[in-house]
Amino acid sequence: MPSEDRHQEPPPSRPRIIALDVLRGFALCEILLANIQLMATGTSAVAVQPMGDWDPWLGLPIFSLLFGIGFALLLDSAANRVPRPRLVLLRRLGALLAIGLAHMLLWPGEVLADYAVVGMLVLLPSTWLPRWAMAGLAAALIPGALIFGGGGPLLIAGLFLLGSALVRHGVVDKIESSTQGPLLLGLVFAAGLAAALWAQDSMRAAGATTYLSAVSSLADLLLVGVYVCGLIFLLRTPLRPVLEFVFAPMGRMALTNYLTATLLVLAAGHILGLPIDRHLTTAYWTAAAILTAQWLFCTLWLRRCRQGPVEWLWRWATWARRPPLSRARTS
């Protein structure tokens, strides 16, 4: 066993960034709304997509960005604790791959396995790059993914790298204190979104479909930017307690909620017989019931425990040592 595995894991070296939990919880809610009919059928064949043309776009890019941020924060933490921090990251990705492959048996459209593979192939090697190179690679991959593939693993890789670059350039450290920055950046994204939508309509009117998919994907990504900046800005207003109350508990247990949502959707469809895949109203009410139940469970669970049950197991696999779960424990 490596020497770092014999040492007790110290407490976190930095305070938890609540804004990231809020963003994660918001994205989790959107992903369930976007994918509930797909989960119910286990395929992509449904009557009508609940979220229309932008399907899971709003949630998955946010999760991809946050995954890159979390990976870089973990690297910083591991570098201060163990002699081989990248081994910690590799174990984390390996455990995520195992979770994703198991989850894939229930829902083939799950994304955790893709995250783990892209993380191993792109994110982990990028930790040896200087921060300017990481940012440059992200700036190349994201538009490249939009032009040549409309998204997919290439876009995930770009957003992973962008999230890591934001940490290494110190942007994430300022996320809780900045007000003007998110507002201005959100306005830039909104202007870009308006221009992309105008270009999209013009291309459709002219029958020019060559780059229509890329422009549409760009508009979706800019919309994500507007939402992210808007939420961060609202966290600097009197609405912060409300946003924390609604989204932060869900975000702190995002992995647990992501996995249990699949189980609950399948139970609602196959055991209760709800026509989730055929009726939008049923799909929305089912999603609302699941999210309400998950929020209540998260709120009660976190009163007694440090993290969600699956997050706890994932942390155990990451550090190769069982971490404390109950808040009452000190060792």
C-alpha atoms as a PDB file:
ATOM      1  CA  MET A   1       0.000   0.000   0.000  1.00  0.00           C
ATOM      2  CA  PRO A   2       1.374   3.457  -0.899  1.00  0.00           C
ATOM      3  CA  SER A   3       2.689   5.470   2.002  1.00  0.00           C
ATOM      4  CA  GLU A   4       0.039   8.151   1.657  1.00  0.00           C
ATOM      5  CA  ASP A   5      -2.695   5.583   2.255  1.00  0.00           C
ATOM      6  CA  ARG A   6      -1.444   4.981   5.812  1.00  0.00           C
ATOM      7  CA  HIS A   7      -1.936   8.569   6.883  1.00  0.00           C
ATOM      8  CA  GLN A   8      -5.137  10.015   8.177  1.00  0.00           C
ATOM      9  CA  GLU A   9      -6.799  12.392   5.750  1.00  0.00           C
ATOM     10  CA  PRO A  10      -6.589  15.922   7.203  1.00  0.00           C
ATOM     11  CA  PRO A  11      -9.612  18.173   7.270  1.00  0.00           C
ATOM     12  CA  PRO A  12     -10.284  20.266   4.157  1.00  0.00           C
ATOM     13  CA  SER A  13      -7.764  23.071   3.739  1.00  0.00           C
ATOM     14  CA  ARG A  14     -10.209  25.574   2.250  1.00  0.00           C
ATOM     15  CA  PRO A  15     -13.789  26.513   3.103  1.00  0.00           C
ATOM     16  CA  ARG A  16     -16.524  24.999   0.988  1.00  0.00           C
ATOM     17  CA  ILE A  17     -17.567  27.184  -1.954  1.00  0.00           C
ATOM     18  CA  ILE A  18     -21.332  27.385  -1.571  1.00  0.00           C
ATOM     19  CA  ALA A  19     -21.801  28.965  -5.005  1.00  0.00           C
ATOM     20  CA  LEU A  20     -20.543  25.750  -6.608  1.00  0.00           C
ATOM     21  CA  ASP A  21     -23.075  23.718  -4.610  1.00  0.00           C
ATOM     22  CA  VAL A  22     -25.871  26.025  -5.777  1.00  0.00           C
ATOM     23  CA  LEU A  23     -24.798  25.699  -9.417  1.00  0.00           C
ATOM     24  CA  ARG A  24     -24.500  21.936  -9.066  1.00  0.00           C
ATOM     25  CA  GLY A  25     -27.942  21.643  -7.500  1.00  0.00           C
ATOM     26  CA  PHE A  26     -29.499  23.821 -10.204  1.00  0.00           C
ATOM     27  CA  ALA A  27     -27.893  21.731 -12.949  1.00  0.00           C
ATOM     28  CA  LEU A  28     -29.046  18.520 -11.298  1.00  0.00           C
ATOM     29  CA  CYS A  29     -32.674  19.674 -11.375  1.00  0.00           C
ATOM     30  CA  GLU A  30     -32.448  20.590 -15.060  1.00  0.00           C
ATOM     31  CA  ILE A  31     -30.839  17.278 -15.984  1.00  0.00           C
ATOM     32  CA  LEU A  32     -33.699  15.325 -14.442  1.00  0.00           C
ATOM     33  CA  LEU A  33     -36.280  17.453 -16.249  1.00  0.00           C
ATOM     34  CA  ALA A  34     -34.423  17.020 -19.527  1.00  0.00           C
ATOM     35  CA  ASN A  35     -33.812  13.285 -19.232  1.00  0.00           C
ATOM     36  CA  ILE A  36     -36.733  11.859 -17.281  1.00  0.00           C
ATOM     37  CA  GLN A  37     -38.451  10.441 -20.364  1.00  0.00           C
ATOM     38  CA  LEU A  38     -35.192   8.947 -21.585  1.00  0.00           C
ATOM     39  CA  MET A  39     -34.641   7.346 -18.172  1.00  0.00           C
ATOM     40  CA  ALA A  40     -38.144   5.902 -18.209  1.00  0.00           C
ATOM     41  CA  THR A  41     -37.647   4.175 -21.564  1.00  0.00           C
ATOM     42  CA  GLY A  42     -33.935   3.392 -21.345  1.00  0.00           C
ATOM     43  CA  THR A  43     -33.565   4.674 -24.932  1.00  0.00           C
ATOM     44  CA  SER A  44     -33.783   7.945 -26.870  1.00  0.00           C
ATOM     45  CA  ALA A  45     -37.204   7.083 -28.317  1.00  0.00           C
ATOM     46  CA  VAL A  46     -39.789   9.230 -26.567  1.00  0.00           C
ATOM     47  CA  ALA A  47     -42.904  11.058 -27.676  1.00  0.00           C
ATOM     48  CA  VAL A  48     -41.663  14.584 -26.966  1.00  0.00           C
ATOM     49  CA  GLN A  49     -38.485  15.771 -25.252  1.00  0.00           C
ATOM     50  CA  PRO A  50     -39.528  17.655 -22.079  1.00  0.00           C
ATOM     51  CA  MET A  51     -36.973  20.414 -22.557  1.00  0.00           C
ATOM     52  CA  GLY A  52     -37.438  20.764 -26.304  1.00  0.00           C
ATOM     53  CA  ASP A  53     -34.490  21.228 -28.650  1.00  0.00           C
ATOM     54  CA  TRP A  54     -31.976  22.001 -25.882  1.00  0.00           C
ATOM     55  CA  ASP A  55     -32.709  18.728 -24.097  1.00  0.00           C
ATOM     56  CA  PRO A  56     -29.869  18.148 -21.536  1.00  0.00           C
ATOM     57  CA  TRP A  57     -27.670  21.016 -22.740  1.00  0.00           C
ATOM     58  CA  LEU A  58     -28.318  23.351 -19.859  1.00  0.00           C
ATOM     59  CA  GLY A  59     -27.315  20.923 -17.121  1.00  0.00           C
ATOM     60  CA  LEU A  60     -24.526  18.856 -18.627  1.00  0.00           C
ATOM     61  CA  PRO A  61     -22.233  21.764 -19.599  1.00  0.00           C
ATOM     62  CA  ILE A  62     -22.561  23.168 -16.073  1.00  0.00           C
ATOM     63  CA  PHE A  63     -21.729  19.779 -14.602  1.00  0.00           C
ATOM     64  CA  SER A  64     -18.763  19.415 -16.969  1.00  0.00           C
ATOM     65  CA  LEU A  65     -17.400  22.812 -15.974  1.00  0.00           C
ATOM     66  CA  LEU A  66     -17.910  22.045 -12.279  1.00  0.00           C
ATOM     67  CA  PHE A  67     -16.230  18.662 -12.667  1.00  0.00           C
ATOM     68  CA  GLY A  68     -13.114  20.370 -14.005  1.00  0.00           C
ATOM     69  CA  ILE A  69     -13.216  22.859 -11.137  1.00  0.00           C
ATOM     70  CA  GLY A  70     -13.617  20.112  -8.555  1.00  0.00           C
ATOM     71  CA  PHE A  71     -10.777  18.104 -10.098  1.00  0.00           C
ATOM     72  CA  ALA A  72      -8.376  21.043  -9.866  1.00  0.00           C
ATOM     73  CA  LEU A  73      -9.431  21.816  -6.286  1.00  0.00           C
ATOM     74  CA  LEU A  74      -8.840  18.187  -5.345  1.00  0.00           C
ATOM     75  CA  LEU A  75      -5.388  18.285  -6.946  1.00  0.00           C
ATOM     76  CA  ASP A  76      -4.479  21.325  -4.840  1.00  0.00           C
ATOM     77  CA  SER A  77      -5.765  19.589  -1.718  1.00  0.00           C
ATOM     78  CA  ALA A  78      -4.010  16.293  -2.466  1.00  0.00           C
ATOM     79  CA  ALA A  79      -0.739  18.065  -3.240  1.00  0.00           C
ATOM     80  CA  ASN A  80      -0.724  19.408   0.328  1.00  0.00           C
ATOM     81  CA  ARG A  81      -1.511  16.025   1.882  1.00  0.00           C
ATOM     82  CA  VAL A  82       0.200  13.179   0.051  1.00  0.00           C
ATOM     83  CA  PRO A  83       3.455  12.668  -1.882  1.00  0.00           C
ATOM     84  CA  ARG A  84       1.679  11.357  -5.002  1.00  0.00           C
ATOM     85  CA  PRO A  85      -1.427  13.500  -5.532  1.00  0.00           C
ATOM     86  CA  ARG A  86      -2.113  12.263  -9.064  1.00  0.00           C
ATOM     87  CA  LEU A  87      -2.561   8.744  -7.728  1.00  0.00           C
ATOM     88  CA  VAL A  88      -5.419  10.139  -5.636  1.00  0.00           C
ATOM     89  CA  LEU A  89      -6.966  11.639  -8.770  1.00  0.00           C
ATOM     90  CA  LEU A  90      -6.542   8.398 -10.704  1.00  0.00           C
ATOM     91  CA  ARG A  91      -8.307   6.433  -7.975  1.00  0.00           C
ATOM     92  CA  ARG A  92     -11.116   8.973  -8.014  1.00  0.00           C
ATOM     93  CA  LEU A  93     -11.607   8.618 -11.752  1.00  0.00           C
ATOM     94  CA  GLY A  94     -11.369   4.833 -11.564  1.00  0.00           C
ATOM     95  CA  ALA A  95     -14.064   4.705  -8.906  1.00  0.00           C
ATOM     96  CA  LEU A  96     -16.244   7.034 -10.982  1.00  0.00           C
ATOM     97  CA  LEU A  97     -15.819   4.745 -13.990  1.00  0.00           C
ATOM     98  CA  ALA A  98     -16.981   1.767 -11.940  1.00  0.00           C
ATOM     99  CA  ILE A  99     -20.011   3.713 -10.704  1.00  0.00           C
ATOM    100  CA  GLY A 100     -20.808   4.867 -14.221  1.00  0.00           C
ATOM    101  CA  LEU A 101     -20.585   1.380 -15.727  1.00  0.00           C
ATOM    102  CA  ALA A 102     -22.913   0.025 -13.048  1.00  0.00           C
ATOM    103  CA  HIS A 103     -25.321   2.923 -13.601  1.00  0.00           C
ATOM    104  CA  MET A 104     -25.241   2.259 -17.343  1.00  0.00           C
ATOM    105  CA  LEU A 105     -26.992  -1.065 -16.714  1.00  0.00           C
ATOM    106  CA  LEU A 106     -30.020   0.922 -15.558  1.00  0.00           C
ATOM    107  CA  TRP A 107     -29.789   3.832 -17.996  1.00  0.00           C
ATOM    108  CA  PRO A 108     -27.566   3.643 -21.098  1.00  0.00           C
ATOM    109  CA  GLY A 109     -27.687   7.432 -21.488  1.00  0.00           C
ATOM    110  CA  GLU A 110     -25.779   8.108 -18.258  1.00  0.00           C
ATOM    111  CA  VAL A 111     -22.674  10.326 -18.427  1.00  0.00           C
ATOM    112  CA  LEU A 112     -20.456   9.328 -15.494  1.00  0.00           C
ATOM    113  CA  ALA A 113     -18.502   6.715 -17.451  1.00  0.00           C
ATOM    114  CA  ASP A 114     -17.784   9.284 -20.169  1.00  0.00           C
ATOM    115  CA  TYR A 115     -16.625  11.748 -17.529  1.00  0.00           C
ATOM    116  CA  ALA A 116     -14.248   9.186 -16.055  1.00  0.00           C
ATOM    117  CA  VAL A 117     -12.746   8.207 -19.423  1.00  0.00           C
ATOM    118  CA  VAL A 118     -12.342  11.805 -20.608  1.00  0.00           C
ATOM    119  CA  GLY A 119     -10.869  12.663 -17.223  1.00  0.00           C
ATOM    120  CA  MET A 120      -8.252   9.916 -17.545  1.00  0.00           C
ATOM    121  CA  LEU A 121      -7.372  10.760 -21.137  1.00  0.00           C
ATOM    122  CA  VAL A 122      -7.451  14.555 -20.971  1.00  0.00           C
ATOM    123  CA  LEU A 123      -7.884  16.016 -17.515  1.00  0.00           C
ATOM    124  CA  LEU A 124      -5.310  13.981 -15.626  1.00  0.00           C
ATOM    125  CA  PRO A 125      -2.509  14.483 -18.220  1.00  0.00           C
ATOM    126  CA  SER A 126      -3.324  18.200 -18.336  1.00  0.00           C
ATOM    127  CA  THR A 127      -2.179  18.573 -14.724  1.00  0.00           C
ATOM    128  CA  TRP A 128       1.407  18.617 -16.013  1.00  0.00           C
ATOM    129  CA  LEU A 129       0.655  21.563 -18.334  1.00  0.00           C
ATOM    130  CA  PRO A 130       1.238  25.204 -17.396  1.00  0.00           C
ATOM    131  CA  ARG A 131      -1.970  27.063 -16.743  1.00  0.00           C
ATOM    132  CA  TRP A 132      -1.737  29.142 -19.929  1.00  0.00           C
ATOM    133  CA  ALA A 133      -1.479  25.971 -22.014  1.00  0.00           C
ATOM    134  CA  MET A 134      -4.498  24.473 -20.249  1.00  0.00           C
ATOM    135  CA  ALA A 135      -6.543  27.596 -20.960  1.00  0.00           C
ATOM    136  CA  GLY A 136      -5.383  27.646 -24.574  1.00  0.00           C
ATOM    137  CA  LEU A 137      -6.293  23.996 -25.072  1.00  0.00           C
ATOM    138  CA  ALA A 138      -9.754  24.627 -23.641  1.00  0.00           C
ATOM    139  CA  ALA A 139     -10.164  27.613 -25.973  1.00  0.00           C
ATOM    140  CA  ALA A 140      -9.328  25.340 -28.915  1.00  0.00           C
ATOM    141  CA  LEU A 141     -11.392  22.300 -27.923  1.00  0.00           C
ATOM    142  CA  ILE A 142     -14.681  24.028 -27.135  1.00  0.00           C
ATOM    143  CA  PRO A 143     -15.188  25.762 -30.520  1.00  0.00           C
ATOM    144  CA  GLY A 144     -13.722  22.717 -32.262  1.00  0.00           C
ATOM    145  CA  ALA A 145     -16.319  20.509 -30.598  1.00  0.00           C
ATOM    146  CA  LEU A 146     -19.120  22.866 -31.671  1.00  0.00           C
ATOM    147  CA  ILE A 147     -17.934  23.041 -35.278  1.00  0.00           C
ATOM    148  CA  PHE A 148     -17.062  19.408 -35.889  1.00  0.00           C
ATOM    149  CA  GLY A 149     -19.243  17.456 -33.504  1.00  0.00           C
ATOM    150  CA  GLY A 150     -21.898  19.651 -31.934  1.00  0.00           C
ATOM    151  CA  GLY A 151     -20.731  18.537 -28.492  1.00  0.00           C
ATOM    152  CA  GLY A 152     -19.899  15.080 -27.209  1.00  0.00           C
ATOM    153  CA  PRO A 153     -16.667  13.983 -25.492  1.00  0.00           C
ATOM    154  CA  LEU A 154     -14.673  16.737 -27.172  1.00  0.00           C
ATOM    155  CA  LEU A 155     -16.845  19.427 -25.613  1.00  0.00           C
ATOM    156  CA  ILE A 156     -16.730  17.655 -22.249  1.00  0.00           C
ATOM    157  CA  ALA A 157     -12.935  17.699 -22.462  1.00  0.00           C
ATOM    158  CA  GLY A 158     -12.907  21.400 -23.300  1.00  0.00           C
ATOM    159  CA  LEU A 159     -15.209  22.287 -20.414  1.00  0.00           C
ATOM    160  CA  PHE A 160     -13.183  20.102 -18.043  1.00  0.00           C
ATOM    161  CA  LEU A 161     -10.055  22.020 -19.006  1.00  0.00           C
ATOM    162  CA  LEU A 162     -11.839  25.360 -18.759  1.00  0.00           C
ATOM    163  CA  GLY A 163     -12.975  24.554 -15.219  1.00  0.00           C
ATOM    164  CA  SER A 164      -9.464  23.534 -14.195  1.00  0.00           C
ATOM    165  CA  ALA A 165      -8.014  26.650 -15.811  1.00  0.00           C
ATOM    166  CA  LEU A 166     -10.439  28.850 -13.852  1.00  0.00           C
ATOM    167  CA  VAL A 167      -9.077  27.355 -10.637  1.00  0.00           C
ATOM    168  CA  ARG A 168      -5.448  27.696 -11.639  1.00  0.00           C
ATOM    169  CA  HIS A 169      -5.955  31.322 -12.712  1.00  0.00           C
ATOM    170  CA  GLY A 170      -7.585  32.168  -9.363  1.00  0.00           C
ATOM    171  CA  VAL A 171     -11.045  32.921 -10.768  1.00  0.00           C
ATOM    172  CA  VAL A 172     -12.857  30.349  -8.617  1.00  0.00           C
ATOM    173  CA  ASP A 173     -11.372  31.795  -5.434  1.00  0.00           C
ATOM    174  CA  LYS A 174     -13.169  35.070  -6.221  1.00  0.00           C
ATOM    175  CA  ILE A 175     -16.524  33.547  -7.127  1.00  0.00           C
ATOM    176  CA  GLU A 176     -18.059  34.269  -3.717  1.00  0.00           C
ATOM    177  CA  SER A 177     -16.907  37.880  -3.586  1.00  0.00           C
ATOM    178  CA  SER A 178     -17.328  39.144  -7.136  1.00  0.00           C
ATOM    179  CA  THR A 179     -20.472  40.990  -8.216  1.00  0.00           C
ATOM    180  CA  GLN A 180     -19.493  43.168 -11.153  1.00  0.00           C
ATOM    181  CA  GLY A 181     -17.565  40.422 -12.948  1.00  0.00           C
ATOM    182  CA  PRO A 182     -20.439  37.901 -13.292  1.00  0.00           C
ATOM    183  CA  LEU A 183     -22.841  40.706 -14.250  1.00  0.00           C
ATOM    184  CA  LEU A 184     -20.622  42.029 -17.037  1.00  0.00           C
ATOM    185  CA  LEU A 185     -19.724  38.563 -18.281  1.00  0.00           C
ATOM    186  CA  GLY A 186     -23.396  37.577 -18.233  1.00  0.00           C
ATOM    187  CA  LEU A 187     -24.239  40.598 -20.384  1.00  0.00           C
ATOM    188  CA  VAL A 188     -21.515  39.603 -22.840  1.00  0.00           C
ATOM    189  CA  PHE A 189     -22.937  36.078 -23.005  1.00  0.00           C
ATOM    190  CA  ALA A 190     -26.446  37.497 -23.495  1.00  0.00           C
ATOM    191  CA  ALA A 191     -25.263  39.686 -26.375  1.00  0.00           C
ATOM    192  CA  GLY A 192     -23.514  36.698 -27.926  1.00  0.00           C
ATOM    193  CA  LEU A 193     -26.654  34.607 -27.476  1.00  0.00           C
ATOM    194  CA  ALA A 194     -28.764  37.229 -29.253  1.00  0.00           C
ATOM    195  CA  ALA A 195     -26.275  37.303 -32.124  1.00  0.00           C
ATOM    196  CA  ALA A 196     -26.185  33.502 -32.347  1.00  0.00           C
ATOM    197  CA  LEU A 197     -29.989  33.259 -32.397  1.00  0.00           C
ATOM    198  CA  TRP A 198     -30.137  35.920 -35.108  1.00  0.00           C
ATOM    199  CA  ALA A 199     -27.555  34.026 -37.165  1.00  0.00           C
ATOM    200  CA  GLN A 200     -29.453  30.787 -36.635  1.00  0.00           C
ATOM    201  CA  ASP A 201     -32.724  32.295 -37.891  1.00  0.00           C
ATOM    202  CA  SER A 202     -30.960  33.879 -40.851  1.00  0.00           C
ATOM    203  CA  MET A 203     -29.341  30.583 -41.829  1.00  0.00           C
ATOM    204  CA  ARG A 204     -32.643  28.761 -41.637  1.00  0.00           C
ATOM    205  CA  ALA A 205     -34.358  31.413 -43.741  1.00  0.00           C
ATOM    206  CA  ALA A 206     -31.615  31.179 -46.360  1.00  0.00           C
ATOM    207  CA  GLY A 207     -31.565  27.393 -46.307  1.00  0.00           C
ATOM    208  CA  ALA A 208     -27.883  27.352 -45.269  1.00  0.00           C
ATOM    209  CA  THR A 209     -27.649  24.292 -43.066  1.00  0.00           C
ATOM    210  CA  THR A 210     -23.908  23.542 -43.219  1.00  0.00           C
ATOM    211  CA  TYR A 211     -23.033  25.190 -39.918  1.00  0.00           C
ATOM    212  CA  LEU A 212     -26.549  25.409 -38.489  1.00  0.00           C
ATOM    213  CA  SER A 213     -25.870  22.696 -35.909  1.00  0.00           C
ATOM    214  CA  ALA A 214     -22.692  24.450 -34.729  1.00  0.00           C
ATOM    215  CA  VAL A 215     -24.481  27.802 -34.379  1.00  0.00           C
ATOM    216  CA  SER A 216     -27.347  26.150 -32.517  1.00  0.00           C
ATOM    217  CA  SER A 217     -24.912  24.446 -30.146  1.00  0.00           C
ATOM    218  CA  LEU A 218     -23.099  27.749 -29.628  1.00  0.00           C
ATOM    219  CA  ALA A 219     -26.396  29.417 -28.716  1.00  0.00           C
ATOM    220  CA  ASP A 220     -27.078  26.663 -26.186  1.00  0.00           C
ATOM    221  CA  LEU A 221     -23.628  27.068 -24.646  1.00  0.00           C
ATOM    222  CA  LEU A 222     -24.016  30.847 -24.431  1.00  0.00           C
ATOM    223  CA  LEU A 223     -27.368  30.316 -22.718  1.00  0.00           C
ATOM    224  CA  VAL A 224     -25.566  28.161 -20.167  1.00  0.00           C
ATOM    225  CA  GLY A 225     -23.148  31.047 -19.598  1.00  0.00           C
ATOM    226  CA  VAL A 226     -26.039  33.438 -19.011  1.00  0.00           C
ATOM    227  CA  TYR A 227     -27.592  31.128 -16.441  1.00  0.00           C
ATOM    228  CA  VAL A 228     -24.299  30.514 -14.616  1.00  0.00           C
ATOM    229  CA  CYS A 229     -23.413  34.196 -14.433  1.00  0.00           C
ATOM    230  CA  GLY A 230     -26.974  35.065 -13.462  1.00  0.00           C
ATOM    231  CA  LEU A 231     -26.990  32.612 -10.567  1.00  0.00           C
ATOM    232  CA  ILE A 232     -23.591  33.772  -9.336  1.00  0.00           C
ATOM    233  CA  PHE A 233     -24.774  37.391  -9.492  1.00  0.00           C
ATOM    234  CA  LEU A 234     -28.007  36.567  -7.616  1.00  0.00           C
ATOM    235  CA  LEU A 235     -25.931  34.960  -4.873  1.00  0.00           C
ATOM    236  CA  ARG A 236     -24.600  38.465  -4.160  1.00  0.00           C
ATOM    237  CA  THR A 237     -28.154  39.768  -3.607  1.00  0.00           C
ATOM    238  CA  PRO A 238     -30.760  39.238  -0.845  1.00  0.00           C
ATOM    239  CA  LEU A 239     -31.902  36.156  -2.800  1.00  0.00           C
ATOM    240  CA  ARG A 240     -28.818  34.232  -1.674  1.00  0.00           C
ATOM    241  CA  PRO A 241     -30.482  32.548   1.357  1.00  0.00           C
ATOM    242  CA  VAL A 242     -33.321  31.327  -0.872  1.00  0.00           C
ATOM    243  CA  LEU A 243     -30.990  29.948  -3.522  1.00  0.00           C
ATOM    244  CA  GLU A 244     -28.845  28.243  -0.903  1.00  0.00           C
ATOM    245  CA  PHE A 245     -31.910  26.760   0.780  1.00  0.00           C
ATOM    246  CA  VAL A 246     -33.299  25.351  -2.477  1.00  0.00           C
ATOM    247  CA  PHE A 247     -30.220  24.214  -4.385  1.00  0.00           C
ATOM    248  CA  ALA A 248     -27.223  23.803  -2.042  1.00  0.00           C
ATOM    249  CA  PRO A 249     -28.384  20.595  -0.285  1.00  0.00           C
ATOM    250  CA  MET A 250     -29.045  18.985  -3.669  1.00  0.00           C
ATOM    251  CA  GLY A 251     -25.668  20.137  -4.965  1.00  0.00           C
ATOM    252  CA  ARG A 252     -23.744  18.773  -1.990  1.00  0.00           C
ATOM    253  CA  MET A 253     -25.206  15.322  -2.709  1.00  0.00           C
ATOM    254  CA  ALA A 254     -25.287  15.587  -6.496  1.00  0.00           C
ATOM    255  CA  LEU A 255     -23.835  12.131  -7.206  1.00  0.00           C
ATOM    256  CA  THR A 256     -26.243  10.420  -4.809  1.00  0.00           C
ATOM    257  CA  ASN A 257     -29.164  12.321  -6.329  1.00  0.00           C
ATOM    258  CA  TYR A 258     -28.084  11.648  -9.908  1.00  0.00           C
ATOM    259  CA  LEU A 259     -28.004   7.898  -9.281  1.00  0.00           C
ATOM    260  CA  THR A 260     -31.129   7.633  -7.135  1.00  0.00           C
ATOM    261  CA  ALA A 261     -33.128   9.678  -9.653  1.00  0.00           C
ATOM    262  CA  THR A 262     -32.706   6.855 -12.158  1.00  0.00           C
ATOM    263  CA  LEU A 263     -33.945   4.299  -9.630  1.00  0.00           C
ATOM    264  CA  LEU A 264     -36.947   6.460  -8.722  1.00  0.00           C
ATOM    265  CA  VAL A 265     -37.882   7.135 -12.355  1.00  0.00           C
ATOM    266  CA  LEU A 266     -37.696   3.434 -13.211  1.00  0.00           C
ATOM    267  CA  ALA A 267     -39.764   2.580 -10.136  1.00  0.00           C
ATOM    268  CA  ALA A 268     -42.378   5.176 -11.070  1.00  0.00           C
ATOM    269  CA  GLY A 269     -42.580   3.870 -14.627  1.00  0.00           C
ATOM    270  CA  HIS A 270     -42.303   0.114 -14.176  1.00  0.00           C
ATOM    271  CA  ILE A 271     -43.733  -0.457 -10.704  1.00  0.00           C
ATOM    272  CA  LEU A 272     -46.328   2.301 -10.420  1.00  0.00           C
ATOM    273  CA  GLY A 273     -47.049   2.198 -14.149  1.00  0.00           C
ATOM    274  CA  LEU A 274     -46.888   5.968 -14.697  1.00  0.00           C
ATOM    275  CA  PRO A 275     -46.844   6.876 -18.424  1.00  0.00           C
ATOM    276  CA  ILE A 276     -43.771   9.086 -18.064  1.00  0.00           C
ATOM    277  CA  ASP A 277     -42.534   8.443 -21.613  1.00  0.00           C
ATOM    278  CA  ARG A 278     -45.878   9.334 -23.235  1.00  0.00           C
ATOM    279  CA  HIS A 279     -47.235  12.304 -21.292  1.00  0.00           C
ATOM    280  CA  LEU A 280     -45.312  15.485 -20.555  1.00  0.00           C
ATOM    281  CA  THR A 281     -47.574  16.413 -17.656  1.00  0.00           C
ATOM    282  CA  THR A 282     -46.875  13.076 -15.987  1.00  0.00           C
ATOM    283  CA  ALA A 283     -43.157  13.471 -16.649  1.00  0.00           C
ATOM    284  CA  TYR A 284     -43.058  16.927 -15.067  1.00  0.00           C
ATOM    285  CA  TRP A 285     -45.098  15.950 -12.013  1.00  0.00           C
ATOM    286  CA  THR A 286     -42.949  12.860 -11.501  1.00  0.00           C
ATOM    287  CA  ALA A 287     -39.771  14.955 -11.752  1.00  0.00           C
ATOM    288  CA  ALA A 288     -41.181  17.465  -9.277  1.00  0.00           C
ATOM    289  CA  ALA A 289     -42.057  14.695  -6.821  1.00  0.00           C
ATOM    290  CA  ILE A 290     -38.594  13.125  -7.132  1.00  0.00           C
ATOM    291  CA  LEU A 291     -36.787  16.443  -6.673  1.00  0.00           C
ATOM    292  CA  THR A 292     -38.918  17.321  -3.660  1.00  0.00           C
ATOM    293  CA  ALA A 293     -38.229  13.936  -2.053  1.00  0.00           C
ATOM    294  CA  GLN A 294     -34.513  14.248  -2.795  1.00  0.00           C
ATOM    295  CA  TRP A 295     -34.329  17.769  -1.399  1.00  0.00           C
ATOM    296  CA  LEU A 296     -36.015  16.656   1.821  1.00  0.00           C
ATOM    297  CA  PHE A 297     -33.717  13.648   2.136  1.00  0.00           C
ATOM    298  CA  CYS A 298     -30.604  15.778   1.474  1.00  0.00           C
ATOM    299  CA  THR A 299     -31.627  18.404   4.013  1.00  0.00           C
ATOM    300  CA  LEU A 300     -32.247  15.843   6.748  1.00  0.00           C
ATOM    301  CA  TRP A 301     -29.205  13.709   5.890  1.00  0.00           C
ATOM    302  CA  LEU A 302     -26.766  16.616   5.938  1.00  0.00           C
ATOM    303  CA  ARG A 303     -27.882  17.636   9.408  1.00  0.00           C
ATOM    304  CA  ARG A 304     -26.214  14.498  10.748  1.00  0.00           C
ATOM    305  CA  CYS A 305     -23.658  13.588   8.082  1.00  0.00           C
ATOM    306  CA  ARG A 306     -20.784  15.376   6.406  1.00  0.00           C
ATOM    307  CA  GLN A 307     -21.676  14.258   2.860  1.00  0.00           C
ATOM    308  CA  GLY A 308     -24.028  12.035   0.900  1.00  0.00           C
ATOM    309  CA  PRO A 309     -23.733   8.240   1.067  1.00  0.00           C
ATOM    310  CA  VAL A 310     -22.387   7.776  -2.459  1.00  0.00           C
ATOM    311  CA  GLU A 311     -20.111  10.793  -2.073  1.00  0.00           C
ATOM    312  CA  TRP A 312     -18.763   9.190   1.099  1.00  0.00           C
ATOM    313  CA  LEU A 313     -18.006   5.930  -0.708  1.00  0.00           C
ATOM    314  CA  TRP A 314     -16.404   7.858  -3.565  1.00  0.00           C
ATOM    315  CA  ARG A 315     -14.229   9.762  -1.112  1.00  0.00           C
ATOM    316  CA  TRP A 316     -13.266   6.485   0.547  1.00  0.00           C
ATOM    317  CA  ALA A 317     -12.139   5.086  -2.824  1.00  0.00           C
ATOM    318  CA  THR A 318     -10.339   8.329  -3.651  1.00  0.00           C
ATOM    319  CA  TRP A 319      -8.197   8.444  -0.514  1.00  0.00           C
ATOM    320  CA  ALA A 320      -8.062   4.649   0.027  1.00  0.00           C
ATOM    321  CA  ARG A 321      -9.100   5.240   3.616  1.00  0.00           C
ATOM    322  CA  ARG A 322     -12.523   5.368   5.226  1.00  0.00           C
ATOM    323  CA  PRO A 323     -13.412   9.003   6.009  1.00  0.00           C
ATOM    324  CA  PRO A 324     -15.722  10.031   8.857  1.00  0.00           C
ATOM    325  CA  LEU A 325     -19.365  10.239   7.858  1.00  0.00           C
ATOM    326  CA  SER A 326     -21.211  11.404  10.946  1.00  0.00           C
ATOM    327  CA  ARG A 327     -20.779  15.004  12.022  1.00  0.00           C
ATOM    328  CA  ALA A 328     -20.376  13.718  15.589  1.00  0.00           C
ATOM    329  CA  ARG A 329     -17.166  11.900  14.700  1.00  0.00           C
ATOM    330  CA  THR A 330     -13.847  13.663  15.043  1.00  0.00           C
ATOM    331  CA  SER A 331     -11.561  10.897  13.737  1.00  0.00           C
END
